[in-house]
Protein backbone atom coordinates (compact mmCIF):
# COMPACT_ATOMS: atom_id res chain seq x y z
CA UNK A 1 166.45 42.79 -86.46
CA UNK A 2 165.51 45.89 -87.57
CA UNK A 3 167.62 49.00 -86.18
CA UNK A 4 166.22 52.12 -85.53
CA UNK A 5 166.89 55.82 -83.84
CA UNK A 6 165.09 58.45 -82.49
CA UNK A 7 167.62 60.72 -83.93
CA UNK A 8 168.00 59.96 -87.10
CA UNK A 9 166.79 57.61 -90.09
CA UNK A 10 168.64 54.85 -91.75
CA UNK A 11 170.29 56.36 -94.50
CA UNK A 12 169.85 60.11 -93.33
CA UNK A 13 172.21 63.10 -91.53
CA UNK A 14 172.87 62.19 -88.22
CA UNK A 15 172.50 65.95 -86.24
CA UNK A 16 175.55 67.84 -85.50
CA UNK A 17 174.58 67.47 -81.44
CA UNK A 18 176.30 63.86 -82.12
CA UNK A 19 179.33 64.66 -83.48
CA UNK A 20 182.46 66.44 -82.66
CA UNK A 21 181.29 69.71 -83.92
CA UNK A 22 178.09 69.71 -81.15
CA UNK A 23 177.70 68.11 -77.73
CA UNK A 24 179.53 64.52 -78.73
CA UNK A 25 176.52 62.60 -77.31
CA UNK A 26 175.53 59.25 -77.80
CA UNK A 27 172.10 59.32 -80.35
CA UNK A 28 169.38 56.79 -78.78
CA UNK A 29 169.77 53.54 -80.49
CA UNK A 30 167.04 50.74 -80.46
CA UNK A 31 166.44 46.90 -82.33
CA UNK A 32 163.87 44.17 -82.32
CA UNK A 33 164.22 41.71 -79.76
CA UNK A 34 165.45 38.55 -80.94
CA UNK A 35 164.39 35.35 -79.57
CA UNK A 36 167.34 33.20 -77.38
CA UNK A 37 169.48 35.97 -77.50
CA UNK A 38 171.47 36.45 -73.99
CA UNK A 39 173.34 39.47 -75.02
CA UNK A 40 173.63 41.86 -77.58
CA UNK A 41 176.48 44.15 -78.92
CA UNK A 42 177.12 47.48 -81.18
CA UNK A 43 179.89 48.54 -83.33
CA UNK A 44 180.23 51.91 -85.08
CA UNK A 45 182.00 51.78 -88.10
CA UNK A 46 182.93 54.81 -90.63
CA UNK A 47 184.56 52.84 -93.48
CA UNK A 48 184.58 56.55 -95.36
CA UNK A 49 187.89 57.53 -93.36
CA UNK A 50 191.60 58.45 -94.79
CA UNK A 51 193.14 55.04 -93.25
CA UNK A 52 190.37 52.50 -93.74
CA UNK A 53 187.74 51.31 -91.18
CA UNK A 54 187.12 53.63 -88.03
CA UNK A 55 185.69 52.62 -85.07
CA UNK A 56 183.36 55.19 -82.98
CA UNK A 57 181.90 53.34 -80.76
CA UNK A 58 182.23 49.75 -78.81
CA UNK A 59 179.82 48.27 -76.71
CA UNK A 60 178.82 44.81 -75.42
CA UNK A 61 176.69 42.44 -72.78
CA UNK A 62 174.20 44.72 -73.58
CA UNK A 63 170.60 43.04 -71.59
CA UNK A 64 168.38 45.15 -73.28
CA UNK A 65 167.20 46.47 -76.90
CA UNK A 66 167.41 50.07 -76.74
CA UNK A 67 170.95 52.15 -75.63
CA UNK A 68 169.58 55.88 -74.47
CA UNK A 69 171.05 58.95 -75.93
CA UNK A 70 174.10 59.99 -73.91
CA UNK A 71 175.48 56.85 -72.98
CA UNK A 72 178.37 57.80 -70.16
CA UNK A 73 181.67 57.46 -71.34
CA UNK A 74 183.04 55.06 -68.68
CA UNK A 75 184.31 51.10 -69.81
CA UNK A 76 181.50 49.45 -67.32
CA UNK A 77 177.75 50.48 -66.99
CA UNK A 78 174.55 49.56 -66.17
CA UNK A 79 173.81 49.24 -69.93
CA UNK A 80 176.83 47.20 -70.90
CA UNK A 81 180.87 47.33 -70.76
CA UNK A 82 182.27 49.70 -73.46
CA UNK A 83 185.47 49.13 -75.65
CA UNK A 84 187.79 51.54 -76.93
CA UNK A 85 187.29 53.47 -79.96
CA UNK A 86 189.95 54.48 -82.38
CA UNK A 87 190.16 57.68 -80.81
CA UNK A 88 191.67 55.90 -77.99
CA UNK A 89 189.22 56.78 -76.14
CA UNK A 90 186.15 54.59 -73.83
CA UNK A 91 182.57 54.71 -75.17
CA UNK A 92 181.22 56.88 -77.89
CA UNK A 93 183.11 59.27 -80.11
CA UNK A 94 181.09 60.98 -82.44
CA UNK A 95 181.72 61.39 -86.60
CA UNK A 96 184.43 64.06 -87.00
CA UNK A 97 185.52 63.94 -90.88
CA UNK A 98 188.07 65.96 -92.27
CA UNK A 99 186.44 69.02 -93.36
CA UNK A 100 187.51 68.68 -96.89
CA UNK A 101 185.79 65.42 -97.56
CA UNK A 102 182.42 64.66 -98.91
CA UNK A 103 179.63 63.07 -96.19
CA UNK A 104 181.51 60.07 -94.55
CA UNK A 105 178.76 57.03 -93.98
CA UNK A 106 178.83 55.59 -89.89
CA UNK A 107 177.25 52.25 -89.81
CA UNK A 108 175.73 51.13 -86.56
CA UNK A 109 175.71 47.31 -86.22
CA UNK A 110 174.02 45.57 -83.97
CA UNK A 111 174.56 42.07 -82.83
CA UNK A 112 172.19 39.39 -81.28
CA UNK A 113 174.41 37.07 -79.25
CA UNK A 114 173.67 33.41 -77.85
CA UNK A 115 175.68 34.15 -74.69
CA UNK A 116 177.70 36.84 -72.55
CA UNK A 117 181.16 37.63 -73.72
CA UNK A 118 183.63 37.55 -71.26
CA UNK A 119 184.43 41.17 -69.69
CA UNK A 120 188.22 42.16 -71.59
CA UNK A 121 189.05 45.85 -70.09
CA UNK A 122 189.40 48.11 -73.39
CA UNK A 123 188.59 45.77 -75.76
CA UNK A 124 188.90 46.50 -79.25
CA UNK A 125 186.73 46.29 -82.26
CA UNK A 126 188.65 43.31 -84.01
CA UNK A 127 188.90 41.70 -80.31
CA UNK A 128 185.10 42.09 -79.87
CA UNK A 129 184.58 40.20 -83.53
CA UNK A 130 186.50 37.68 -82.34
CA UNK A 131 184.91 36.93 -79.30
CA UNK A 132 181.66 37.17 -81.40
CA UNK A 133 182.28 34.67 -83.64
CA UNK A 134 180.23 31.23 -83.55
CA UNK A 135 177.84 33.33 -81.34
CA UNK A 136 176.01 36.16 -83.63
CA UNK A 137 171.93 34.69 -84.09
CA UNK A 138 171.16 37.62 -85.44
CA UNK A 139 172.02 41.11 -86.68
CA UNK A 140 171.12 44.51 -87.75
CA UNK A 141 172.23 47.83 -88.95
CA UNK A 142 171.46 51.56 -89.35
CA UNK A 143 172.93 53.79 -91.55
CA UNK A 144 173.97 57.98 -90.47
CA UNK A 145 175.92 60.45 -92.70
CA UNK A 146 178.01 63.35 -91.19
CA UNK A 147 179.55 66.27 -93.31
CA UNK A 148 181.14 68.94 -91.65
CA UNK A 149 180.94 72.42 -92.61
């Protein structure tokens, strides 16, 4: 499954606008439709964070194949249900690595699922991954990088 963004190309740098140094809004993300998919889920991970994998965004029960720029930071949206990121907030939290670090990588994983998932309030990435077990029929990823100045 091909995943792309109008904001950045795979393995390219994420523009400041989508980070803690800018407007901290979510970038547009789009993916190929998958036959028999009943819903999609997206998890954004930074594996370069000092404490291990850091979750920047969780959204599931997505009906379409595109998330527009600047998804509202509320749990229930017309696009899907958002979970709690590792900043302790609902919705997207942009890249914000320590200034002394080399560029961090941000993986936008999209999962095609054969079902809609049960709603969970303030779901975490681990909880979502457990709910998705046995239901992933395809997946794709786009990776962007960011370094603070």
